[in-house]
Amino acid sequence: MPQAQTMTLDEKLAIGCKAAELEKAGDKEGAMRLMKTTPIPPYIAKVIKEKAGAEYLAGWNLSEAEAEFGAGWLDR
């Protein structure tokens, strides 16, 4: 099984800045699509799952949460 590639903080910040530019330009959907490519920190993903449900996390990058909690954690 290939190991998930981690994203550096600089890469995450670059995506956030680009998403902010898109939103400022009026492309809210494009900004959201871009933000969903940034891994959600495991502790935040866990809280979102508990408070909003696993369905809310559909489409988000959960690679860091899967690395910490194991594959299939969202369904448990």
C-alpha atoms as a PDB file:
ATOM      1  CA  MET A   1       0.000   0.000   0.000  1.00  0.00           C
ATOM      2  CA  PRO A   2       1.535   3.372  -0.992  1.00  0.00           C
ATOM      3  CA  GLN A   3       2.096   5.841   1.809  1.00  0.00           C
ATOM      4  CA  ALA A   4       0.058   9.038   1.677  1.00  0.00           C
ATOM      5  CA  GLN A   5       2.079  12.051   0.653  1.00  0.00           C
ATOM      6  CA  THR A   6       2.017  14.809   3.228  1.00  0.00           C
ATOM      7  CA  MET A   7       1.501  18.431   2.352  1.00  0.00           C
ATOM      8  CA  THR A   8       3.877  21.008   3.795  1.00  0.00           C
ATOM      9  CA  LEU A   9       2.659  24.032   5.703  1.00  0.00           C
ATOM     10  CA  ASP A  10       3.880  26.264   2.874  1.00  0.00           C
ATOM     11  CA  GLU A  11       1.833  24.246   0.372  1.00  0.00           C
ATOM     12  CA  LYS A  12      -1.252  24.514   2.584  1.00  0.00           C
ATOM     13  CA  LEU A  13      -0.768  28.268   2.977  1.00  0.00           C
ATOM     14  CA  ALA A  14      -0.334  28.718  -0.777  1.00  0.00           C
ATOM     15  CA  ILE A  15      -3.632  26.933  -1.389  1.00  0.00           C
ATOM     16  CA  GLY A  16      -5.339  29.068   1.258  1.00  0.00           C
ATOM     17  CA  CYS A  17      -4.027  32.264  -0.347  1.00  0.00           C
ATOM     18  CA  LYS A  18      -5.137  31.175  -3.820  1.00  0.00           C
ATOM     19  CA  ALA A  19      -8.574  30.253  -2.441  1.00  0.00           C
ATOM     20  CA  ALA A  20      -8.824  33.697  -0.811  1.00  0.00           C
ATOM     21  CA  GLU A  21      -7.997  35.305  -4.158  1.00  0.00           C
ATOM     22  CA  LEU A  22     -10.718  33.259  -5.875  1.00  0.00           C
ATOM     23  CA  GLU A  23     -13.274  34.200  -3.245  1.00  0.00           C
ATOM     24  CA  LYS A  24     -12.332  37.878  -3.464  1.00  0.00           C
ATOM     25  CA  ALA A  25     -12.818  37.632  -7.238  1.00  0.00           C
ATOM     26  CA  GLY A  26     -16.313  36.241  -6.652  1.00  0.00           C
ATOM     27  CA  ASP A  27     -15.582  32.568  -7.313  1.00  0.00           C
ATOM     28  CA  LYS A  28     -16.802  31.104  -4.017  1.00  0.00           C
ATOM     29  CA  GLU A  29     -17.323  27.637  -5.513  1.00  0.00           C
ATOM     30  CA  GLY A  30     -13.803  27.565  -6.939  1.00  0.00           C
ATOM     31  CA  ALA A  31     -12.399  28.692  -3.602  1.00  0.00           C
ATOM     32  CA  MET A  32     -14.252  25.916  -1.780  1.00  0.00           C
ATOM     33  CA  ARG A  33     -13.134  23.276  -4.308  1.00  0.00           C
ATOM     34  CA  LEU A  34      -9.548  24.391  -3.812  1.00  0.00           C
ATOM     35  CA  MET A  35      -9.802  24.429  -0.013  1.00  0.00           C
ATOM     36  CA  LYS A  36     -11.121  20.869  -0.048  1.00  0.00           C
ATOM     37  CA  THR A  37      -7.756  19.761  -1.479  1.00  0.00           C
ATOM     38  CA  THR A  38      -5.987  20.810   1.729  1.00  0.00           C
ATOM     39  CA  PRO A  39      -5.880  18.034   4.340  1.00  0.00           C
ATOM     40  CA  ILE A  40      -8.068  18.698   7.353  1.00  0.00           C
ATOM     41  CA  PRO A  41      -6.083  18.227  10.585  1.00  0.00           C
ATOM     42  CA  PRO A  42      -7.168  14.997  12.308  1.00  0.00           C
ATOM     43  CA  TYR A  43      -8.483  16.671  15.461  1.00  0.00           C
ATOM     44  CA  ILE A  44     -10.668  19.021  13.397  1.00  0.00           C
ATOM     45  CA  ALA A  45     -11.941  16.186  11.174  1.00  0.00           C
ATOM     46  CA  LYS A  46     -12.877  14.221  14.294  1.00  0.00           C
ATOM     47  CA  VAL A  47     -14.852  17.130  15.769  1.00  0.00           C
ATOM     48  CA  ILE A  48     -16.626  17.797  12.459  1.00  0.00           C
ATOM     49  CA  LYS A  49     -17.564  14.111  12.233  1.00  0.00           C
ATOM     50  CA  GLU A  50     -18.956  14.181  15.788  1.00  0.00           C
ATOM     51  CA  LYS A  51     -20.814  17.494  15.443  1.00  0.00           C
ATOM     52  CA  ALA A  52     -21.929  17.597  11.796  1.00  0.00           C
ATOM     53  CA  GLY A  53     -21.766  13.951  10.750  1.00  0.00           C
ATOM     54  CA  ALA A  54     -19.519  12.010   8.413  1.00  0.00           C
ATOM     55  CA  GLU A  55     -21.548  13.142   5.395  1.00  0.00           C
ATOM     56  CA  TYR A  56     -20.312  16.707   5.867  1.00  0.00           C
ATOM     57  CA  LEU A  57     -16.734  15.596   5.229  1.00  0.00           C
ATOM     58  CA  ALA A  58     -17.520  14.166   1.785  1.00  0.00           C
ATOM     59  CA  GLY A  59     -15.141  15.592  -0.770  1.00  0.00           C
ATOM     60  CA  TRP A  60     -12.620  16.942   1.746  1.00  0.00           C
ATOM     61  CA  ASN A  61      -9.020  15.728   1.864  1.00  0.00           C
ATOM     62  CA  LEU A  62      -8.941  13.410   4.873  1.00  0.00           C
ATOM     63  CA  SER A  63      -5.470  11.960   4.280  1.00  0.00           C
ATOM     64  CA  GLU A  64      -4.054  13.197   7.594  1.00  0.00           C
ATOM     65  CA  ALA A  65      -7.048  11.890   9.553  1.00  0.00           C
ATOM     66  CA  GLU A  66      -6.813   8.522   7.796  1.00  0.00           C
ATOM     67  CA  ALA A  67      -3.094   8.345   8.605  1.00  0.00           C
ATOM     68  CA  GLU A  68      -3.832   8.981  12.274  1.00  0.00           C
ATOM     69  CA  PHE A  69      -7.119   7.102  12.769  1.00  0.00           C
ATOM     70  CA  GLY A  70      -6.754   4.385  10.111  1.00  0.00           C
ATOM     71  CA  ALA A  71      -8.565   3.664   6.882  1.00  0.00           C
ATOM     72  CA  GLY A  72     -12.323   3.561   7.273  1.00  0.00           C
ATOM     73  CA  TRP A  73     -12.335   5.721  10.435  1.00  0.00           C
ATOM     74  CA  LEU A  74     -15.121   7.834   8.986  1.00  0.00           C
ATOM     75  CA  ASP A  75     -17.463   4.833   8.897  1.00  0.00           C
ATOM     76  CA  ARG A  76     -16.771   3.744  12.463  1.00  0.00           C
END
